[in-house]
Amino acid sequence: MHPTTLLPPPLLLLFLSALTSPTHAHPIFSSLAAGSHPFLPSPPLPPRSDLLPRAIDKSGTMTFFSPDVSSSPTNPTACNTAPSSSDPIVALSSSEFSADKCGKSVTIQANGKSATATVGDKFAGAPGAEDIDVSEGVFTQLADLEVGRVAVTWGFD
């Protein structure tokens, strides 16, 4: 015997609507209508902010510096650090820089490549508001040092 032959079609429809209708559902089946039953799909979860794409919302020119030459324990950076040349550091223009941005991660894109650096200094001589100066190691991930200056897009992670 086929399961649908147990109830005539009108009664079967009434029974199925009672299972899923939140206003007419029997208390036993009310959890089914609310989406809390373990065997029924739940409503989609909101997106997790840590999985969202990074905001690459700034564009400017990137140059490079050698942290070993420009900063030292006696001449610290604007973030009060003395990074080495191997540290992935980005210096922000005076208009973009603030002390609360020190230590924040920045993603930089150029030439179809991407690099990540940490805000560690202020780029006082930046010609543009969104121009950045990066340590040599960061620059070489995106372009050859001989280029010296390259157009980039970047944003905070």
N, C-alpha and C. Protein backbone atom coordinates (compact mmCIF):
# COMPACT_ATOMS: atom_id res chain seq x y z
N MET A 1 0.84 -1.17 0.00
CA MET A 1 0.00 0.00 0.00
C MET A 1 0.89 1.25 0.00
N HIS A 2 0.57 2.19 -0.81
CA HIS A 2 1.32 3.45 -0.94
C HIS A 2 0.95 4.36 0.23
N PRO A 3 1.95 5.13 0.80
CA PRO A 3 1.66 5.95 1.99
C PRO A 3 0.58 6.99 1.76
N THR A 4 0.45 7.51 0.55
CA THR A 4 -0.57 8.54 0.32
C THR A 4 -1.97 7.97 0.27
N THR A 5 -2.10 6.67 0.16
CA THR A 5 -3.43 6.09 0.15
C THR A 5 -3.98 5.90 1.56
N LEU A 6 -3.19 6.16 2.58
CA LEU A 6 -3.69 6.05 3.94
C LEU A 6 -4.71 7.14 4.24
N LEU A 7 -4.53 8.34 3.67
CA LEU A 7 -5.44 9.46 3.88
C LEU A 7 -5.93 9.93 2.52
N PRO A 8 -7.18 10.29 2.43
CA PRO A 8 -7.64 10.87 1.17
C PRO A 8 -6.88 12.17 0.92
N PRO A 9 -6.66 12.55 -0.32
CA PRO A 9 -5.86 13.75 -0.64
C PRO A 9 -6.25 15.01 0.13
N PRO A 10 -7.56 15.34 0.32
CA PRO A 10 -7.85 16.56 1.08
C PRO A 10 -7.36 16.49 2.53
N LEU A 11 -7.52 15.31 3.16
CA LEU A 11 -7.06 15.17 4.53
C LEU A 11 -5.53 15.17 4.62
N LEU A 12 -4.87 14.60 3.61
CA LEU A 12 -3.42 14.59 3.57
C LEU A 12 -2.89 16.03 3.50
N LEU A 13 -3.50 16.87 2.65
CA LEU A 13 -3.09 18.27 2.55
C LEU A 13 -3.33 19.01 3.86
N LEU A 14 -4.45 18.76 4.49
CA LEU A 14 -4.75 19.39 5.76
C LEU A 14 -3.72 18.99 6.83
N PHE A 15 -3.38 17.70 6.84
CA PHE A 15 -2.40 17.20 7.80
C PHE A 15 -1.03 17.84 7.56
N LEU A 16 -0.60 17.91 6.31
CA LEU A 16 0.70 18.50 5.99
C LEU A 16 0.73 19.99 6.31
N SER A 17 -0.35 20.69 6.05
CA SER A 17 -0.37 22.13 6.36
C SER A 17 -0.35 22.35 7.87
N ALA A 18 -0.96 21.46 8.64
CA ALA A 18 -0.95 21.59 10.09
C ALA A 18 0.46 21.39 10.64
N LEU A 19 1.27 20.57 9.96
CA LEU A 19 2.64 20.34 10.40
C LEU A 19 3.51 21.57 10.21
N THR A 20 3.26 22.32 9.16
CA THR A 20 4.16 23.42 8.81
C THR A 20 3.62 24.81 9.11
N SER A 21 2.34 24.94 9.40
CA SER A 21 1.77 26.26 9.66
C SER A 21 1.99 26.64 11.12
N PRO A 22 2.72 27.77 11.38
CA PRO A 22 2.98 28.14 12.78
C PRO A 22 1.72 28.53 13.54
N THR A 23 0.69 28.99 12.85
CA THR A 23 -0.53 29.42 13.56
C THR A 23 -1.48 28.27 13.82
N HIS A 24 -1.42 27.22 13.02
CA HIS A 24 -2.36 26.11 13.18
C HIS A 24 -1.69 24.82 13.64
N ALA A 25 -0.41 24.86 13.89
CA ALA A 25 0.30 23.63 14.22
C ALA A 25 -0.05 23.14 15.62
N HIS A 26 -0.11 21.88 15.76
CA HIS A 26 -0.30 21.24 17.05
C HIS A 26 0.96 21.49 17.87
N PRO A 27 0.85 21.65 19.20
CA PRO A 27 2.05 21.92 20.01
C PRO A 27 3.18 20.92 19.80
N ILE A 28 2.85 19.69 19.53
CA ILE A 28 3.88 18.68 19.28
C ILE A 28 4.69 19.05 18.05
N PHE A 29 4.04 19.66 17.03
CA PHE A 29 4.71 19.97 15.78
C PHE A 29 5.15 21.44 15.70
N SER A 30 4.95 22.21 16.76
CA SER A 30 5.27 23.64 16.68
C SER A 30 6.76 23.87 16.46
N SER A 31 7.61 22.98 16.97
CA SER A 31 9.05 23.15 16.76
C SER A 31 9.40 22.93 15.29
N LEU A 32 8.62 22.15 14.58
CA LEU A 32 8.89 21.96 13.15
C LEU A 32 8.70 23.26 12.39
N ALA A 33 7.65 23.99 12.72
CA ALA A 33 7.36 25.24 12.02
C ALA A 33 8.38 26.31 12.39
N ALA A 34 8.94 26.25 13.58
CA ALA A 34 9.89 27.27 14.02
C ALA A 34 11.30 27.03 13.48
N GLY A 35 11.53 25.90 12.83
CA GLY A 35 12.84 25.62 12.25
C GLY A 35 13.87 25.15 13.26
N SER A 36 13.40 24.64 14.41
CA SER A 36 14.34 24.21 15.43
C SER A 36 14.46 22.69 15.52
N HIS A 37 13.82 22.01 14.65
CA HIS A 37 13.90 20.56 14.66
C HIS A 37 15.26 20.14 14.11
N PRO A 38 15.91 19.16 14.74
CA PRO A 38 17.27 18.80 14.31
C PRO A 38 17.36 18.21 12.91
N PHE A 39 16.25 17.70 12.37
CA PHE A 39 16.31 17.07 11.06
C PHE A 39 15.84 17.98 9.93
N LEU A 40 15.40 19.17 10.27
CA LEU A 40 14.96 20.10 9.24
C LEU A 40 15.99 21.22 9.10
N PRO A 41 16.16 21.76 7.89
CA PRO A 41 17.15 22.82 7.70
C PRO A 41 16.80 24.06 8.50
N SER A 42 17.81 24.69 9.05
CA SER A 42 17.64 25.93 9.80
C SER A 42 17.80 27.10 8.85
N PRO A 43 17.33 28.27 9.25
CA PRO A 43 17.55 29.44 8.41
C PRO A 43 19.04 29.71 8.28
N PRO A 44 19.48 30.34 7.19
CA PRO A 44 20.91 30.58 7.00
C PRO A 44 21.48 31.51 8.08
N LEU A 45 22.71 31.25 8.46
CA LEU A 45 23.38 32.08 9.46
C LEU A 45 23.88 33.36 8.81
N PRO A 46 24.01 34.44 9.56
CA PRO A 46 24.59 35.66 8.98
C PRO A 46 26.05 35.41 8.67
N PRO A 47 26.62 36.13 7.70
CA PRO A 47 28.02 35.89 7.33
C PRO A 47 28.97 36.23 8.48
N ARG A 48 30.04 35.45 8.60
CA ARG A 48 31.05 35.70 9.62
C ARG A 48 31.97 36.79 9.12
N SER A 49 32.24 37.77 9.96
CA SER A 49 33.08 38.90 9.55
C SER A 49 34.51 38.47 9.25
N ASP A 50 35.00 37.39 9.89
CA ASP A 50 36.37 36.97 9.63
C ASP A 50 36.51 36.24 8.29
N LEU A 51 35.40 35.91 7.65
CA LEU A 51 35.46 35.25 6.36
C LEU A 51 35.10 36.20 5.21
N LEU A 52 34.73 37.41 5.54
CA LEU A 52 34.38 38.37 4.50
C LEU A 52 35.63 38.86 3.79
N PRO A 53 35.50 39.24 2.52
CA PRO A 53 36.68 39.75 1.82
C PRO A 53 37.22 41.01 2.49
N ARG A 54 38.51 41.18 2.37
CA ARG A 54 39.13 42.37 2.93
C ARG A 54 38.73 43.59 2.12
N ALA A 55 38.67 44.73 2.79
CA ALA A 55 38.28 45.98 2.13
C ALA A 55 39.52 46.64 1.53
N ILE A 56 39.72 46.46 0.24
CA ILE A 56 40.80 47.12 -0.49
C ILE A 56 40.17 48.38 -1.07
N ASP A 57 40.15 49.44 -0.27
CA ASP A 57 39.38 50.62 -0.66
C ASP A 57 40.22 51.88 -0.85
N LYS A 58 41.54 51.73 -0.86
CA LYS A 58 42.41 52.89 -1.04
C LYS A 58 43.34 52.65 -2.21
N SER A 59 43.76 53.71 -2.88
CA SER A 59 44.72 53.56 -3.97
C SER A 59 45.71 54.70 -3.94
N GLY A 60 46.94 54.38 -4.27
CA GLY A 60 47.99 55.39 -4.25
C GLY A 60 49.26 54.82 -4.84
N THR A 61 50.38 55.41 -4.46
CA THR A 61 51.68 54.99 -4.92
C THR A 61 52.45 54.39 -3.75
N MET A 62 53.20 53.33 -4.04
CA MET A 62 54.00 52.67 -3.01
C MET A 62 55.47 52.88 -3.32
N THR A 63 56.23 53.26 -2.31
CA THR A 63 57.68 53.32 -2.38
C THR A 63 58.22 52.43 -1.26
N PHE A 64 59.55 52.31 -1.16
CA PHE A 64 60.10 51.45 -0.11
C PHE A 64 61.18 52.17 0.67
N PHE A 65 61.43 51.64 1.88
CA PHE A 65 62.48 52.17 2.76
C PHE A 65 63.17 51.01 3.45
N SER A 66 64.29 51.28 4.05
CA SER A 66 65.01 50.29 4.83
C SER A 66 64.84 50.63 6.30
N PRO A 67 64.08 49.85 7.05
CA PRO A 67 63.86 50.16 8.46
C PRO A 67 65.15 50.26 9.28
N ASP A 68 66.18 49.49 8.90
CA ASP A 68 67.43 49.53 9.65
C ASP A 68 68.09 50.90 9.56
N VAL A 69 67.88 51.61 8.46
CA VAL A 69 68.50 52.92 8.25
C VAL A 69 67.64 54.03 8.84
N SER A 70 66.31 53.94 8.65
CA SER A 70 65.44 55.05 9.03
C SER A 70 65.00 55.03 10.49
N SER A 71 65.15 53.91 11.18
CA SER A 71 64.74 53.86 12.59
C SER A 71 65.73 53.03 13.39
N SER A 72 65.81 53.31 14.65
CA SER A 72 66.69 52.58 15.55
C SER A 72 66.14 52.76 16.96
N PRO A 73 66.69 52.05 17.95
CA PRO A 73 66.20 52.25 19.32
C PRO A 73 66.32 53.71 19.78
N THR A 74 67.30 54.44 19.26
CA THR A 74 67.43 55.85 19.63
C THR A 74 66.60 56.76 18.73
N ASN A 75 66.13 56.22 17.61
CA ASN A 75 65.28 56.99 16.68
C ASN A 75 64.08 56.11 16.31
N PRO A 76 63.14 55.90 17.25
CA PRO A 76 62.03 54.97 16.97
C PRO A 76 61.07 55.55 15.93
N THR A 77 60.24 54.66 15.41
CA THR A 77 59.23 55.05 14.44
C THR A 77 58.10 55.81 15.15
N ALA A 78 57.13 56.27 14.37
CA ALA A 78 55.97 56.97 14.94
C ALA A 78 55.15 56.04 15.82
N CYS A 79 55.34 54.74 15.67
CA CYS A 79 54.64 53.76 16.51
C CYS A 79 55.52 53.29 17.67
N ASN A 80 56.62 54.00 17.91
CA ASN A 80 57.55 53.68 19.00
C ASN A 80 58.12 52.28 18.90
N THR A 81 58.47 51.86 17.68
CA THR A 81 59.12 50.58 17.47
C THR A 81 60.41 50.81 16.70
N ALA A 82 61.27 49.81 16.68
CA ALA A 82 62.50 49.85 15.90
C ALA A 82 62.56 48.58 15.06
N PRO A 83 61.79 48.53 13.97
CA PRO A 83 61.72 47.31 13.16
C PRO A 83 63.03 47.04 12.42
N SER A 84 63.22 45.78 12.07
CA SER A 84 64.37 45.40 11.25
C SER A 84 63.94 45.33 9.79
N SER A 85 64.90 45.18 8.90
CA SER A 85 64.59 45.17 7.47
C SER A 85 63.75 43.96 7.08
N SER A 86 63.75 42.92 7.90
CA SER A 86 62.95 41.74 7.56
C SER A 86 61.49 41.86 8.01
N ASP A 87 61.17 42.88 8.81
CA ASP A 87 59.80 43.07 9.28
C ASP A 87 58.92 43.65 8.17
N PRO A 88 57.72 43.08 7.96
CA PRO A 88 56.80 43.63 6.94
C PRO A 88 56.08 44.86 7.48
N ILE A 89 56.65 46.03 7.22
CA ILE A 89 56.15 47.29 7.77
C ILE A 89 55.58 48.16 6.66
N VAL A 90 54.51 48.87 6.99
CA VAL A 90 53.96 49.89 6.09
C VAL A 90 53.89 51.20 6.87
N ALA A 91 54.31 52.27 6.21
CA ALA A 91 54.20 53.61 6.78
C ALA A 91 53.09 54.33 6.04
N LEU A 92 52.18 54.93 6.79
CA LEU A 92 51.03 55.63 6.21
C LEU A 92 51.30 57.12 6.12
N SER A 93 50.66 57.77 5.16
CA SER A 93 50.79 59.22 5.00
C SER A 93 50.32 59.93 6.27
N SER A 94 50.77 61.17 6.42
CA SER A 94 50.40 61.95 7.62
C SER A 94 48.89 62.08 7.76
N SER A 95 48.19 62.21 6.64
CA SER A 95 46.73 62.36 6.72
C SER A 95 46.02 61.04 7.04
N GLU A 96 46.66 59.91 6.74
CA GLU A 96 46.06 58.59 6.99
C GLU A 96 46.49 58.03 8.35
N PHE A 97 47.65 58.42 8.82
CA PHE A 97 48.23 57.84 10.03
C PHE A 97 47.56 58.39 11.30
N SER A 98 47.38 57.50 12.26
CA SER A 98 47.02 57.86 13.63
C SER A 98 47.57 56.76 14.53
N ALA A 99 47.87 57.09 15.77
CA ALA A 99 48.49 56.14 16.70
C ALA A 99 47.66 54.87 16.87
N ASP A 100 46.33 54.97 16.78
CA ASP A 100 45.49 53.77 16.97
C ASP A 100 45.60 52.80 15.80
N LYS A 101 46.23 53.21 14.70
CA LYS A 101 46.42 52.30 13.55
C LYS A 101 47.72 51.52 13.67
N CYS A 102 48.59 51.89 14.60
CA CYS A 102 49.84 51.15 14.81
C CYS A 102 49.53 49.69 15.13
N GLY A 103 50.22 48.81 14.45
CA GLY A 103 50.04 47.37 14.66
C GLY A 103 48.93 46.75 13.85
N LYS A 104 48.12 47.56 13.16
CA LYS A 104 47.04 46.99 12.34
C LYS A 104 47.60 46.40 11.06
N SER A 105 46.93 45.39 10.57
CA SER A 105 47.35 44.70 9.36
C SER A 105 46.74 45.37 8.13
N VAL A 106 47.56 45.46 7.08
CA VAL A 106 47.14 46.08 5.83
C VAL A 106 47.44 45.10 4.70
N THR A 107 46.51 44.94 3.77
CA THR A 107 46.75 44.15 2.57
C THR A 107 46.99 45.11 1.42
N ILE A 108 48.06 44.85 0.67
CA ILE A 108 48.47 45.71 -0.44
C ILE A 108 48.45 44.86 -1.71
N GLN A 109 47.90 45.42 -2.79
CA GLN A 109 47.85 44.71 -4.07
C GLN A 109 48.48 45.54 -5.17
N ALA A 110 49.29 44.86 -6.00
CA ALA A 110 49.91 45.50 -7.16
C ALA A 110 50.36 44.40 -8.12
N ASN A 111 50.29 44.68 -9.40
CA ASN A 111 50.77 43.75 -10.42
C ASN A 111 50.16 42.35 -10.30
N GLY A 112 48.92 42.27 -9.85
CA GLY A 112 48.26 40.97 -9.70
C GLY A 112 48.74 40.18 -8.51
N LYS A 113 49.50 40.79 -7.63
CA LYS A 113 50.04 40.12 -6.44
C LYS A 113 49.49 40.81 -5.19
N SER A 114 49.65 40.13 -4.06
CA SER A 114 49.15 40.66 -2.79
C SER A 114 50.19 40.44 -1.70
N ALA A 115 50.30 41.40 -0.79
CA ALA A 115 51.21 41.28 0.36
C ALA A 115 50.52 41.86 1.59
N THR A 116 50.95 41.42 2.74
CA THR A 116 50.40 41.92 3.99
C THR A 116 51.52 42.56 4.80
N ALA A 117 51.22 43.70 5.41
CA ALA A 117 52.21 44.41 6.23
C ALA A 117 51.51 44.97 7.46
N THR A 118 52.29 45.36 8.43
CA THR A 118 51.79 45.92 9.68
C THR A 118 52.12 47.41 9.74
N VAL A 119 51.14 48.21 10.12
CA VAL A 119 51.38 49.65 10.26
C VAL A 119 52.42 49.86 11.35
N GLY A 120 53.53 50.51 10.97
CA GLY A 120 54.60 50.68 11.92
C GLY A 120 55.24 52.07 11.94
N ASP A 121 54.78 52.96 11.02
CA ASP A 121 55.40 54.27 10.98
C ASP A 121 54.51 55.24 10.21
N LYS A 122 54.93 56.52 10.26
CA LYS A 122 54.25 57.57 9.51
C LYS A 122 55.14 57.96 8.33
N PHE A 123 54.55 58.09 7.15
CA PHE A 123 55.24 58.47 5.93
C PHE A 123 55.06 59.97 5.76
N ALA A 124 55.91 60.73 6.45
CA ALA A 124 55.74 62.18 6.51
C ALA A 124 55.87 62.85 5.14
N GLY A 125 56.67 62.30 4.25
CA GLY A 125 56.88 62.93 2.94
C GLY A 125 55.98 62.39 1.84
N ALA A 126 54.90 61.75 2.21
CA ALA A 126 54.01 61.15 1.20
C ALA A 126 53.39 62.24 0.32
N PRO A 127 53.54 62.13 -1.02
CA PRO A 127 52.95 63.12 -1.89
C PRO A 127 51.42 63.07 -1.91
N GLY A 128 50.84 61.88 -1.75
CA GLY A 128 49.39 61.73 -1.78
C GLY A 128 48.86 61.19 -0.47
N ALA A 129 47.59 61.45 -0.19
CA ALA A 129 46.97 61.02 1.08
C ALA A 129 46.96 59.51 1.24
N GLU A 130 46.89 58.76 0.14
CA GLU A 130 46.81 57.30 0.23
C GLU A 130 48.09 56.62 -0.27
N ASP A 131 49.17 57.39 -0.40
CA ASP A 131 50.47 56.83 -0.75
C ASP A 131 51.06 56.15 0.48
N ILE A 132 51.80 55.07 0.25
CA ILE A 132 52.39 54.31 1.35
C ILE A 132 53.87 54.07 1.08
N ASP A 133 54.61 53.85 2.14
CA ASP A 133 56.02 53.51 2.09
C ASP A 133 56.15 52.18 2.83
N VAL A 134 56.77 51.21 2.21
CA VAL A 134 56.84 49.87 2.81
C VAL A 134 58.28 49.42 2.95
N SER A 135 58.50 48.46 3.82
CA SER A 135 59.84 47.89 3.96
C SER A 135 60.19 47.14 2.67
N GLU A 136 61.50 47.00 2.43
CA GLU A 136 61.98 46.37 1.19
C GLU A 136 61.37 45.00 0.96
N GLY A 137 61.24 44.21 2.03
CA GLY A 137 60.69 42.86 1.89
C GLY A 137 59.27 42.86 1.35
N VAL A 138 58.47 43.80 1.78
CA VAL A 138 57.09 43.91 1.29
C VAL A 138 57.11 44.35 -0.17
N PHE A 139 57.95 45.35 -0.48
CA PHE A 139 58.02 45.86 -1.85
C PHE A 139 58.40 44.75 -2.84
N THR A 140 59.39 43.93 -2.48
CA THR A 140 59.85 42.87 -3.40
C THR A 140 58.80 41.78 -3.62
N GLN A 141 57.81 41.68 -2.74
CA GLN A 141 56.72 40.73 -2.98
C GLN A 141 55.81 41.20 -4.11
N LEU A 142 55.83 42.51 -4.38
CA LEU A 142 54.90 43.10 -5.34
C LEU A 142 55.59 43.64 -6.60
N ALA A 143 56.85 44.02 -6.49
CA ALA A 143 57.58 44.59 -7.64
C ALA A 143 59.08 44.51 -7.38
N ASP A 144 59.87 44.75 -8.41
CA ASP A 144 61.32 44.79 -8.28
C ASP A 144 61.73 46.12 -7.65
N LEU A 145 62.77 46.06 -6.82
CA LEU A 145 63.24 47.28 -6.16
C LEU A 145 63.68 48.35 -7.17
N GLU A 146 64.18 47.92 -8.34
CA GLU A 146 64.64 48.86 -9.36
C GLU A 146 63.52 49.78 -9.84
N VAL A 147 62.27 49.31 -9.75
CA VAL A 147 61.12 50.11 -10.17
C VAL A 147 61.01 51.34 -9.27
N GLY A 148 61.20 51.15 -7.98
CA GLY A 148 61.22 52.25 -7.04
C GLY A 148 59.86 52.78 -6.60
N ARG A 149 58.92 52.82 -7.48
CA ARG A 149 57.59 53.39 -7.20
C ARG A 149 56.57 52.61 -8.03
N VAL A 150 55.47 52.23 -7.41
CA VAL A 150 54.46 51.45 -8.14
C VAL A 150 53.06 51.83 -7.66
N ALA A 151 52.10 51.80 -8.57
CA ALA A 151 50.70 52.07 -8.21
C ALA A 151 50.13 50.85 -7.47
N VAL A 152 49.41 51.12 -6.38
CA VAL A 152 48.86 50.04 -5.56
C VAL A 152 47.44 50.36 -5.13
N THR A 153 46.73 49.32 -4.73
CA THR A 153 45.48 49.45 -3.98
C THR A 153 45.73 48.78 -2.65
N TRP A 154 45.10 49.28 -1.60
CA TRP A 154 45.34 48.70 -0.28
C TRP A 154 44.19 48.98 0.65
N GLY A 155 44.18 48.28 1.77
CA GLY A 155 43.14 48.48 2.77
C GLY A 155 43.48 47.75 4.05
N PHE A 156 42.79 48.15 5.13
CA PHE A 156 43.00 47.52 6.43
C PHE A 156 42.27 46.19 6.48
N ASP A 157 42.91 45.19 7.12
CA ASP A 157 42.30 43.87 7.24
C ASP A 157 41.28 43.86 8.35
